[in-house]
Amino acid sequence: MRAFGNRSCVPGGSYAKNGSGKFNDIDEEEFSRLKRLSVDAVWYTGVISHATRTHFRSVPDNDPSLVKGEAGSPYAIRNWFDVDPALAVNVDNRMAEFEALVRRTHAAGMKVIIDFVPNHVYREYRSYFSDENFYRLDGPLHLPASLNSSYVEDPALATGNDVFHAWPSETDWFDTIKLNYEQRSTWSKMLSVLKFWVEKGVDGFRCDMVELVPAAFFEWAFRALRAQHPGLIFIAEVYDKNNYRRYGSAGFDLLYDKSGFYDALRGIVQGERPASCLTQEWQHLGEHQPQMLNFLENHDEQRLASDFFAGSAKAGMAAFAVSLLFNTASFMLYFGQEYGERGMEAEGYSGRDGRTSIFDYCSVPSICRALSGRLTVEESVVYKEYCRLLRIASADAIFSKGKTFDLMYANPASDHFNPDRQFAWMRGYAGSGMAIVANFAPTPVDVDVFIPQEAFDYLGVAAQAHTVHFHVAAHDYTRIDVTK
């Protein structure tokens, strides 16, 4: 959240110099903008109090050598029952400001999602936990010499990213320590964390790095929570698609489709994989397709329009259309993506890497222009197209409710269709059918797509097998109503 609403970005700048976005920045005007994007839930990142180099009155300071960047990682939690003071206008009133944001979000007809980080906490966070909640190692902790740290930890505790020795590297999560789920007290304490935020009005949780936590914990915790709050939403940050079934069965509503559709679409956009590879990805999902959360950006991944990915918002539009319109899976929109944000600034701890930093007090150029009413022509065009496609995906029943039929098997390579660069599918609902072609090529194409009788029969559309001609712009998509 700290980057939204912030207008300053001196690389590596302190809180005093750059400031931070605030809970109060998310106001009625912003909710109106989100409604135009058909948003029904907002994931507020970095809400929970986490390690930082910034001094705040009445908030304990952290060892600066353990903190990544000036602002610190939002995933190095230092107090599970408090919010980040940098996000408040009045630090002493910070929880009330968050609760007001929850009420505003609900009044706008949207749900509130925040992070739940079950695998690890900030290295100095001991007040809520006891020794048994961590993995104790032999001997003292040896932090990387580059940190120039005098921090003492003896015995050393296992580092968050499953480093079970006392010498974490600079690329490890050295600012965190791993929680021990072999101890049932860890289960109870983390369930209490979830209950606390549910009582604050939070509707759901994006659960961080779930594959490092036993699926049985989530199944147990979700059952307990849903007994009192049946509408809670749980989203799993899961990377290995071979684990989708395990965590889907544990009770998660949505699962990141990172190693499936995201990796496939990125490979296609960058010319490293054929468009036809999407077929095997959705087939692998089986009955879990509706549980998937599609995305093209998040805080971990590089911006779609960055030099490291598509190079521009336009070059990523075909991937966007497939993510939204292929099936009924949910879609996650990362702030600024709707303007074609490129994320090509070097904010400080986070260099010029195509991402918006989560470690620095920084701003997002396209968001700044949007808030001041000064979008570029290109950004305005991208925003309007995002609004249009998101509205189609959420409001048109053929896409929000309809079934999907993959047309690729019926359209092998020919003079009129290139399965390396084009992907074709069909959606059907209540007797209506729509054929869609996404073109990943950098030039416009004319393609002929054969729709077999099997597709019409499966989708319940009264029509005969026939071939449909498409003209598709570069990096774009086209849909044609094929209802007889």
Protein backbone atom coordinates (compact mmCIF):
# COMPACT_ATOMS: atom_id res chain seq x y z
CA MET A 1 0.00 0.00 0.00
CA ARG A 2 2.84 2.42 0.75
CA ALA A 3 3.51 3.10 -2.95
CA PHE A 4 -0.11 3.96 -3.77
CA GLY A 5 -0.80 7.63 -3.29
CA ASN A 6 2.84 8.46 -2.68
CA ARG A 7 4.22 11.15 -4.96
CA SER A 8 7.96 11.11 -4.13
CA CYS A 9 10.72 8.70 -5.07
CA VAL A 10 14.26 9.74 -4.29
CA PRO A 11 16.12 6.43 -4.77
CA GLY A 12 16.82 4.93 -1.37
CA GLY A 13 15.06 7.85 0.30
CA SER A 14 13.93 7.67 3.91
CA TYR A 15 10.38 7.99 5.16
CA ALA A 16 11.15 11.58 6.16
CA LYS A 17 12.28 12.38 2.62
CA ASN A 18 9.89 10.34 0.46
CA GLY A 19 6.89 9.81 2.70
CA SER A 20 4.45 6.95 2.22
CA GLY A 21 1.00 6.24 0.88
CA LYS A 22 -1.73 6.18 3.52
CA PHE A 23 -4.89 4.25 4.32
CA ASN A 24 -6.76 7.52 3.77
CA ASP A 25 -5.53 7.74 0.15
CA ILE A 26 -8.02 5.01 -0.77
CA ASP A 27 -11.09 7.23 -0.91
CA GLU A 28 -14.45 7.31 -2.67
CA GLU A 29 -12.89 8.64 -5.89
CA GLU A 30 -10.49 5.70 -5.96
CA PHE A 31 -13.32 3.23 -5.37
CA SER A 32 -15.19 4.76 -8.32
CA ARG A 33 -12.13 4.10 -10.47
CA LEU A 34 -11.95 0.52 -9.21
CA LYS A 35 -15.63 0.00 -10.03
CA ARG A 36 -14.92 1.01 -13.62
CA LEU A 37 -12.38 -1.82 -13.61
CA SER A 38 -15.07 -4.25 -12.33
CA VAL A 39 -13.08 -4.92 -9.15
CA ASP A 40 -14.99 -6.87 -6.49
CA ALA A 41 -12.22 -7.36 -3.89
CA VAL A 42 -9.13 -5.33 -2.99
CA TRP A 43 -5.93 -6.94 -1.72
CA TYR A 44 -4.23 -4.39 0.54
CA THR A 45 -0.57 -5.34 0.79
CA GLY A 46 1.80 -4.43 3.59
CA VAL A 47 -0.96 -3.70 6.11
CA ILE A 48 0.47 -5.70 9.03
CA SER A 49 3.25 -4.07 11.05
CA HIS A 50 6.58 -5.20 9.62
CA ALA A 51 10.27 -4.53 10.13
CA THR A 52 11.49 -1.09 9.03
CA ARG A 53 14.43 1.26 9.51
CA THR A 54 12.05 4.12 10.27
CA HIS A 55 11.58 5.31 13.83
CA PHE A 56 7.98 5.84 14.91
CA ARG A 57 7.02 7.13 18.30
CA SER A 58 5.62 4.39 20.60
CA VAL A 59 6.67 1.66 18.13
CA PRO A 60 9.82 -0.37 18.97
CA ASP A 61 12.75 0.19 16.60
CA ASN A 62 14.29 -2.63 14.58
CA ASP A 63 17.92 -3.54 14.02
CA PRO A 64 18.61 -1.75 10.71
CA SER A 65 21.11 -4.40 9.61
CA LEU A 66 18.26 -6.93 9.48
CA VAL A 67 15.94 -4.77 7.39
CA LYS A 68 15.81 -4.92 3.61
CA GLY A 69 15.62 -1.38 2.25
CA GLU A 70 14.50 1.73 4.11
CA ALA A 71 10.88 0.64 4.36
CA GLY A 72 11.53 -3.06 4.94
CA SER A 73 9.83 -6.14 3.61
CA PRO A 74 6.06 -6.33 4.23
CA TYR A 75 6.62 -10.06 4.72
CA ALA A 76 8.92 -9.64 7.72
CA ILE A 77 6.10 -9.32 10.26
CA ARG A 78 7.12 -7.71 13.57
CA ASN A 79 3.70 -7.54 15.25
CA TRP A 80 0.79 -9.66 14.08
CA PHE A 81 -1.73 -7.50 15.97
CA ASP A 82 -0.80 -4.07 14.66
CA VAL A 83 -0.73 -2.20 11.36
CA ASP A 84 2.18 -0.49 9.64
CA PRO A 85 2.52 2.99 11.20
CA ALA A 86 3.82 4.43 7.91
CA LEU A 87 0.34 3.94 6.43
CA ALA A 88 -1.37 6.15 9.01
CA VAL A 89 -1.76 9.92 9.01
CA ASN A 90 -1.90 9.80 12.80
CA VAL A 91 0.42 7.04 14.01
CA ASP A 92 -1.35 6.76 17.37
CA ASN A 93 -4.67 6.31 15.54
CA ARG A 94 -3.36 3.84 12.97
CA MET A 95 -5.69 0.92 13.70
CA ALA A 96 -8.75 3.18 13.57
CA GLU A 97 -7.58 4.48 10.17
CA PHE A 98 -7.32 0.91 8.90
CA GLU A 99 -10.76 0.06 10.25
CA ALA A 100 -12.15 3.12 8.47
CA LEU A 101 -10.59 1.84 5.22
CA VAL A 102 -12.33 -1.49 5.75
CA ARG A 103 -15.66 0.29 6.17
CA ARG A 104 -15.11 2.41 3.05
CA THR A 105 -14.24 -0.68 1.03
CA HIS A 106 -17.38 -2.48 2.16
CA ALA A 107 -19.53 0.61 1.50
CA ALA A 108 -18.19 0.56 -2.08
CA GLY A 109 -19.40 -3.03 -2.43
CA MET A 110 -15.94 -4.63 -2.36
CA LYS A 111 -14.29 -7.18 -0.10
CA VAL A 112 -11.09 -6.63 1.88
CA ILE A 113 -8.16 -9.03 1.42
CA ILE A 114 -4.92 -8.73 3.40
CA ASP A 115 -1.78 -10.84 3.67
CA PHE A 116 -1.40 -13.79 6.00
CA VAL A 117 2.24 -14.86 6.29
CA PRO A 118 2.12 -18.25 8.04
CA ASN A 119 5.65 -19.50 7.32
CA HIS A 120 7.90 -16.90 8.93
CA VAL A 121 8.17 -13.72 11.00
CA TYR A 122 10.73 -10.94 11.42
CA ARG A 123 13.93 -12.15 13.05
CA GLU A 124 13.52 -10.03 16.21
CA TYR A 125 9.83 -10.88 16.73
CA ARG A 126 9.66 -12.89 19.95
CA SER A 127 6.89 -11.32 22.04
CA TYR A 128 4.08 -13.52 20.72
CA PHE A 129 6.11 -16.70 20.31
CA SER A 130 8.18 -19.05 22.46
CA ASP A 131 11.30 -21.06 21.64
CA GLU A 132 9.27 -24.08 20.60
CA ASN A 133 7.65 -22.08 17.78
CA PHE A 134 10.99 -21.90 15.92
CA TYR A 135 13.68 -24.31 14.75
CA ARG A 136 16.72 -24.00 17.00
CA LEU A 137 20.07 -24.80 15.37
CA ASP A 138 23.51 -25.58 16.74
CA GLY A 139 25.72 -22.60 17.42
CA PRO A 140 25.28 -18.84 16.86
CA LEU A 141 23.87 -17.11 13.80
CA HIS A 142 26.38 -15.95 11.17
CA LEU A 143 24.85 -13.22 9.03
CA PRO A 144 26.51 -12.23 5.73
CA ALA A 145 29.53 -9.97 6.27
CA SER A 146 28.08 -7.51 3.75
CA LEU A 147 25.36 -6.61 6.27
CA ASN A 148 27.96 -5.36 8.75
CA SER A 149 25.63 -6.55 11.49
CA SER A 150 26.27 -6.82 15.23
CA TYR A 151 23.00 -8.69 15.77
CA VAL A 152 23.41 -11.69 18.09
CA GLU A 153 21.30 -14.84 17.89
CA ASP A 154 22.54 -17.84 19.85
CA PRO A 155 21.47 -20.45 19.19
CA ALA A 156 20.65 -19.55 15.61
CA LEU A 157 17.10 -20.05 14.36
CA ALA A 158 16.24 -21.44 10.93
CA THR A 159 15.79 -18.72 8.30
CA GLY A 160 12.40 -18.23 6.64
CA ASN A 161 13.14 -19.77 3.26
CA ASP A 162 13.97 -23.17 4.80
CA VAL A 163 17.62 -22.42 5.55
CA PHE A 164 18.30 -24.95 8.29
CA HIS A 165 21.86 -23.87 9.00
CA ALA A 166 23.36 -20.84 10.72
CA TRP A 167 24.88 -19.15 7.63
CA PRO A 168 22.07 -17.55 5.57
CA SER A 169 23.28 -15.70 2.50
CA GLU A 170 22.44 -12.19 1.35
CA THR A 171 19.94 -13.64 -1.14
CA ASP A 172 18.18 -15.66 1.57
CA TRP A 173 15.36 -14.27 3.69
CA PHE A 174 17.88 -13.39 6.39
CA ASP A 175 15.43 -10.89 7.93
CA THR A 176 13.02 -13.68 8.87
CA ILE A 177 12.85 -16.86 10.94
CA LYS A 178 10.80 -19.93 10.09
CA LEU A 179 7.84 -21.02 12.23
CA ASN A 180 7.71 -24.62 13.43
CA TYR A 181 4.41 -26.35 12.64
CA GLU A 182 5.56 -29.54 14.28
CA GLN A 183 4.41 -27.76 17.45
CA ARG A 184 0.65 -27.47 17.87
CA SER A 185 1.07 -24.20 19.73
CA THR A 186 2.16 -22.65 16.43
CA TRP A 187 -1.13 -23.76 14.88
CA SER A 188 -3.16 -22.20 17.70
CA LYS A 189 -1.23 -18.94 17.67
CA MET A 190 -1.59 -18.48 13.92
CA LEU A 191 -5.31 -19.27 14.07
CA SER A 192 -5.63 -16.53 16.69
CA VAL A 193 -3.95 -14.14 14.25
CA LEU A 194 -6.54 -14.93 11.58
CA LYS A 195 -9.40 -14.54 14.06
CA PHE A 196 -8.08 -11.12 15.13
CA TRP A 197 -8.21 -9.74 11.59
CA VAL A 198 -11.55 -11.33 10.79
CA GLU A 199 -12.97 -9.46 13.77
CA LYS A 200 -11.58 -6.27 12.21
CA GLY A 201 -13.83 -6.88 9.21
CA VAL A 202 -11.31 -8.49 6.87
CA ASP A 203 -13.07 -10.75 4.34
CA GLY A 204 -10.16 -12.88 3.24
CA PHE A 205 -6.45 -13.56 3.15
CA ARG A 206 -3.80 -13.97 0.50
CA CYS A 207 -1.69 -16.64 2.18
CA ASP A 208 2.03 -16.27 1.55
CA MET A 209 4.29 -19.17 0.52
CA VAL A 210 1.80 -21.88 1.51
CA GLU A 211 3.99 -24.68 0.16
CA LEU A 212 6.36 -24.13 3.08
CA VAL A 213 3.51 -24.80 5.55
CA PRO A 214 1.66 -28.12 6.04
CA ALA A 215 -1.62 -28.25 4.11
CA ALA A 216 -3.18 -29.86 7.18
CA PHE A 217 -2.78 -26.60 9.13
CA PHE A 218 -4.83 -24.66 6.58
CA GLU A 219 -7.53 -27.32 6.45
CA TRP A 220 -7.81 -27.22 10.26
CA ALA A 221 -7.74 -23.43 10.52
CA PHE A 222 -10.19 -22.81 7.68
CA ARG A 223 -12.69 -25.26 9.13
CA ALA A 224 -12.55 -23.47 12.48
CA LEU A 225 -12.92 -20.01 10.94
CA ARG A 226 -15.68 -20.89 8.50
CA ALA A 227 -17.77 -22.37 11.28
CA GLN A 228 -18.37 -18.76 12.36
CA HIS A 229 -17.60 -16.89 9.13
CA PRO A 230 -18.61 -19.09 6.16
CA GLY A 231 -17.93 -16.43 3.53
CA LEU A 232 -14.21 -16.00 4.18
CA ILE A 233 -11.91 -16.11 1.15
CA PHE A 234 -8.48 -17.77 1.18
CA ILE A 235 -5.98 -17.36 -1.66
CA ALA A 236 -2.89 -19.57 -1.89
CA GLU A 237 0.42 -18.31 -3.20
CA VAL A 238 1.38 -21.69 -4.63
CA TYR A 239 4.03 -22.14 -7.32
CA ASP A 240 4.35 -25.82 -8.12
CA LYS A 241 1.33 -26.86 -10.17
CA ASN A 242 1.79 -30.39 -8.84
CA ASN A 243 0.72 -28.94 -5.47
CA TYR A 244 -2.51 -27.36 -6.74
CA ARG A 245 -4.58 -30.38 -5.79
CA ARG A 246 -3.09 -30.64 -2.30
CA TYR A 247 -3.78 -27.04 -1.34
CA GLY A 248 -7.04 -26.83 -3.26
CA SER A 249 -8.28 -29.79 -1.23
CA ALA A 250 -7.15 -28.05 1.97
CA GLY A 251 -9.88 -25.45 1.49
CA PHE A 252 -8.33 -22.61 -0.50
CA ASP A 253 -10.81 -20.79 -2.70
CA LEU A 254 -8.21 -19.60 -5.19
CA LEU A 255 -4.74 -20.81 -6.15
CA TYR A 256 -2.06 -18.79 -7.92
CA ASP A 257 -1.63 -20.31 -11.39
CA LYS A 258 2.02 -19.31 -11.52
CA SER A 259 3.71 -22.37 -13.00
CA GLY A 260 0.73 -22.96 -15.28
CA PHE A 261 -0.95 -20.15 -17.21
CA TYR A 262 1.37 -17.37 -16.02
CA ASP A 263 4.60 -19.09 -17.02
CA ALA A 264 3.04 -20.30 -20.28
CA LEU A 265 1.73 -16.86 -21.26
CA ARG A 266 5.03 -15.22 -20.39
CA GLY A 267 6.88 -17.75 -22.53
CA ILE A 268 4.49 -17.15 -25.43
CA VAL A 269 4.73 -13.36 -25.21
CA GLN A 270 8.52 -13.59 -25.23
CA GLY A 271 8.54 -16.00 -28.18
CA GLU A 272 9.97 -18.87 -26.15
CA ARG A 273 6.92 -21.15 -26.22
CA PRO A 274 4.15 -21.85 -28.76
CA ALA A 275 0.64 -20.57 -28.10
CA SER A 276 -0.57 -24.16 -28.35
CA CYS A 277 1.17 -24.97 -25.04
CA LEU A 278 -1.79 -23.40 -23.22
CA THR A 279 -3.81 -26.52 -24.01
CA GLN A 280 -1.72 -28.78 -21.83
CA GLU A 281 -1.77 -26.21 -19.02
CA TRP A 282 -5.54 -26.08 -18.66
CA GLN A 283 -5.83 -29.82 -19.14
CA HIS A 284 -3.42 -30.35 -16.25
CA LEU A 285 -5.75 -28.37 -13.98
CA GLY A 286 -8.71 -30.69 -14.46
CA GLU A 287 -11.55 -29.93 -12.06
CA HIS A 288 -9.46 -27.26 -10.31
CA GLN A 289 -9.77 -24.77 -13.20
CA PRO A 290 -12.43 -22.63 -11.43
CA GLN A 291 -10.15 -22.42 -8.37
CA MET A 292 -7.27 -20.82 -10.23
CA LEU A 293 -6.26 -17.18 -9.89
CA ASN A 294 -4.86 -15.88 -13.16
CA PHE A 295 -2.51 -12.92 -13.20
CA LEU A 296 0.14 -11.25 -15.32
CA GLU A 297 1.68 -9.08 -12.58
CA ASN A 298 2.15 -9.02 -8.83
CA HIS A 299 4.75 -7.68 -6.40
CA ASP A 300 7.07 -10.64 -7.06
CA GLU A 301 6.83 -10.72 -10.86
CA GLN A 302 8.06 -8.18 -13.36
CA ARG A 303 5.62 -5.72 -14.83
CA LEU A 304 3.94 -6.86 -18.04
CA ALA A 305 4.93 -3.65 -19.85
CA SER A 306 8.51 -3.69 -18.53
CA ASP A 307 11.55 -4.23 -20.72
CA PHE A 308 11.94 -7.62 -19.04
CA PHE A 309 8.54 -8.96 -20.13
CA ALA A 310 6.38 -7.71 -23.02
CA GLY A 311 8.04 -4.31 -23.44
CA SER A 312 4.73 -2.44 -23.57
CA ALA A 313 1.13 -2.78 -22.42
CA LYS A 314 0.04 -3.24 -26.05
CA ALA A 315 2.40 -6.18 -26.54
CA GLY A 316 0.80 -7.87 -23.52
CA MET A 317 -2.83 -7.41 -24.57
CA ALA A 318 -3.26 -10.87 -26.13
CA ALA A 319 -2.04 -12.47 -22.90
CA PHE A 320 -4.45 -10.29 -20.94
CA ALA A 321 -7.37 -11.41 -23.12
CA VAL A 322 -6.52 -15.09 -22.65
CA SER A 323 -6.15 -14.69 -18.88
CA LEU A 324 -9.56 -13.02 -18.67
CA LEU A 325 -11.66 -14.75 -21.27
CA PHE A 326 -10.46 -18.34 -21.53
CA ASN A 327 -12.53 -19.69 -18.64
CA THR A 328 -14.25 -18.64 -15.42
CA ALA A 329 -11.06 -18.47 -13.33
CA SER A 330 -10.64 -15.26 -11.33
CA PHE A 331 -8.15 -12.61 -12.41
CA MET A 332 -5.83 -10.52 -10.22
CA LEU A 333 -5.05 -6.99 -11.42
CA TYR A 334 -1.92 -5.39 -9.95
CA PHE A 335 -2.08 -1.65 -9.30
CA GLY A 336 -0.78 0.36 -12.23
CA GLN A 337 -1.11 -2.52 -14.67
CA GLU A 338 -4.31 -0.94 -15.96
CA TYR A 339 -2.24 2.03 -17.19
CA GLY A 340 0.63 0.02 -18.61
CA GLU A 341 2.97 0.79 -15.72
CA ARG A 342 6.50 -0.28 -16.70
CA GLY A 343 8.21 -0.43 -13.31
CA MET A 344 11.54 0.59 -14.80
CA GLU A 345 12.70 2.88 -11.97
CA ALA A 346 15.56 2.09 -9.57
CA GLU A 347 13.90 2.86 -6.24
CA GLY A 348 16.79 2.05 -3.92
CA TYR A 349 17.15 -1.42 -2.41
CA SER A 350 15.17 -2.62 -5.41
CA GLY A 351 17.14 -1.76 -8.53
CA ARG A 352 15.90 -1.29 -12.09
CA ASP A 353 14.34 -4.72 -12.33
CA GLY A 354 10.92 -4.19 -13.91
CA ARG A 355 9.17 -4.38 -10.53
CA THR A 356 7.63 -1.85 -8.19
CA SER A 357 9.71 -2.08 -5.02
CA ILE A 358 8.20 -3.53 -1.85
CA PHE A 359 11.30 -2.56 0.15
CA ASP A 360 11.48 1.19 -0.50
CA TYR A 361 9.46 4.34 0.10
CA CYS A 362 8.66 5.01 -3.52
CA SER A 363 5.94 6.00 -5.95
CA VAL A 364 4.41 4.52 -9.09
CA PRO A 365 4.69 6.98 -12.01
CA SER A 366 1.48 5.97 -13.80
CA ILE A 367 -0.51 6.01 -10.55
CA CYS A 368 0.83 9.48 -9.78
CA ARG A 369 -0.30 10.71 -13.19
CA ALA A 370 -3.71 9.07 -12.76
CA LEU A 371 -4.27 10.67 -9.36
CA SER A 372 -3.33 14.09 -10.73
CA GLY A 373 -5.45 13.68 -13.89
CA ARG A 374 -2.41 13.74 -16.20
CA LEU A 375 -2.35 10.32 -17.83
CA THR A 376 -0.52 10.11 -21.13
CA VAL A 377 -2.56 9.35 -24.25
CA GLU A 378 -1.16 5.83 -24.30
CA GLU A 379 -2.01 5.26 -20.63
CA SER A 380 -5.57 6.49 -21.20
CA VAL A 381 -6.00 4.10 -24.12
CA VAL A 382 -4.70 1.17 -22.07
CA TYR A 383 -6.95 2.05 -19.14
CA LYS A 384 -10.07 2.20 -21.33
CA GLU A 385 -9.23 -1.16 -22.89
CA TYR A 386 -8.68 -2.73 -19.47
CA CYS A 387 -12.02 -1.36 -18.28
CA ARG A 388 -13.73 -2.73 -21.39
CA LEU A 389 -12.22 -6.22 -21.19
CA LEU A 390 -12.73 -6.54 -17.44
CA ARG A 391 -16.36 -5.50 -17.85
CA ILE A 392 -16.86 -8.13 -20.56
CA ALA A 393 -15.25 -10.83 -18.42
CA SER A 394 -17.34 -10.05 -15.36
CA ALA A 395 -20.69 -8.90 -16.78
CA ASP A 396 -21.18 -10.87 -20.01
CA ALA A 397 -22.70 -14.21 -18.98
CA ILE A 398 -21.03 -16.09 -21.81
CA PHE A 399 -17.66 -15.27 -20.21
CA SER A 400 -18.57 -15.05 -16.53
CA LYS A 401 -20.63 -18.27 -16.51
CA GLY A 402 -20.11 -20.09 -19.79
CA LYS A 403 -18.23 -23.28 -20.59
CA THR A 404 -14.97 -23.41 -22.58
CA PHE A 405 -13.96 -25.44 -25.60
CA ASP A 406 -10.34 -25.40 -26.78
CA LEU A 407 -10.23 -25.26 -30.58
CA MET A 408 -6.52 -25.90 -31.00
CA TYR A 409 -6.77 -29.64 -31.67
CA ALA A 410 -9.01 -28.92 -34.65
CA ASN A 411 -6.68 -26.26 -36.07
CA PRO A 412 -3.18 -27.57 -36.76
CA ALA A 413 -0.56 -25.49 -38.52
CA SER A 414 -1.60 -24.38 -42.00
CA ASP A 415 -1.35 -21.46 -44.41
CA HIS A 416 -4.32 -19.95 -42.56
CA PHE A 417 -3.45 -20.64 -38.92
CA ASN A 418 -0.22 -20.61 -36.91
CA PRO A 419 -0.56 -22.42 -33.55
CA ASP A 420 2.81 -21.02 -32.49
CA ARG A 421 1.46 -17.47 -32.48
CA GLN A 422 -2.35 -17.83 -32.35
CA PHE A 423 -4.57 -19.43 -29.73
CA ALA A 424 -8.24 -20.18 -30.49
CA TRP A 425 -11.05 -21.21 -28.20
CA MET A 426 -14.81 -20.96 -27.81
CA ARG A 427 -17.16 -20.02 -25.00
CA GLY A 428 -20.81 -20.98 -24.76
CA TYR A 429 -23.74 -20.19 -22.48
CA ALA A 430 -27.55 -20.49 -22.74
CA GLY A 431 -27.44 -21.42 -26.41
CA SER A 432 -25.01 -18.69 -27.45
CA GLY A 433 -21.49 -19.28 -28.72
CA MET A 434 -18.48 -17.03 -29.07
CA ALA A 435 -15.26 -17.96 -30.89
CA ILE A 436 -12.12 -16.10 -29.85
CA VAL A 437 -8.62 -15.86 -31.33
CA ALA A 438 -5.67 -14.29 -29.52
CA ASN A 439 -2.80 -13.20 -31.75
CA PHE A 440 0.64 -13.11 -30.07
CA ALA A 441 2.39 -12.11 -33.29
CA PRO A 442 3.81 -8.57 -33.70
CA THR A 443 1.87 -8.16 -36.98
CA PRO A 444 -1.86 -8.34 -37.87
CA VAL A 445 -3.06 -11.71 -39.15
CA ASP A 446 -5.94 -13.17 -41.13
CA VAL A 447 -6.74 -16.65 -39.87
CA ASP A 448 -9.35 -19.28 -40.55
CA VAL A 449 -10.56 -21.27 -37.56
CA PHE A 450 -12.46 -24.52 -37.97
CA ILE A 451 -15.14 -25.09 -35.34
CA PRO A 452 -16.01 -28.79 -35.13
CA GLN A 453 -19.49 -30.10 -34.45
CA GLU A 454 -18.22 -31.41 -31.12
CA ALA A 455 -17.69 -27.83 -29.93
CA PHE A 456 -21.23 -26.74 -30.71
CA ASP A 457 -22.69 -29.87 -29.14
CA TYR A 458 -20.61 -29.53 -25.98
CA LEU A 459 -21.55 -25.88 -25.54
CA GLY A 460 -25.20 -26.39 -26.39
CA VAL A 461 -25.16 -24.15 -29.46
CA ALA A 462 -27.48 -24.98 -32.35
CA ALA A 463 -25.07 -24.67 -35.27
CA GLN A 464 -23.22 -26.81 -37.80
CA ALA A 465 -19.47 -27.28 -38.02
CA HIS A 466 -17.94 -24.55 -40.13
CA THR A 467 -14.88 -22.33 -40.59
CA VAL A 468 -14.77 -18.77 -39.26
CA HIS A 469 -12.50 -16.07 -40.66
CA PHE A 470 -10.77 -13.69 -38.24
CA HIS A 471 -8.72 -10.55 -38.78
CA VAL A 472 -6.72 -9.97 -35.60
CA ALA A 473 -4.49 -6.99 -34.90
CA ALA A 474 -0.95 -7.45 -33.60
CA HIS A 475 -0.77 -8.53 -29.94
CA ASP A 476 -4.57 -8.47 -29.77
CA TYR A 477 -7.67 -10.63 -29.81
CA THR A 478 -10.93 -10.83 -31.74
CA ARG A 479 -14.22 -12.52 -30.82
CA ILE A 480 -17.02 -13.48 -33.18
CA ASP A 481 -20.55 -14.59 -32.29
CA VAL A 482 -21.02 -17.97 -33.99
CA THR A 483 -24.59 -18.55 -32.85
CA LYS A 484 -26.80 -19.70 -35.71
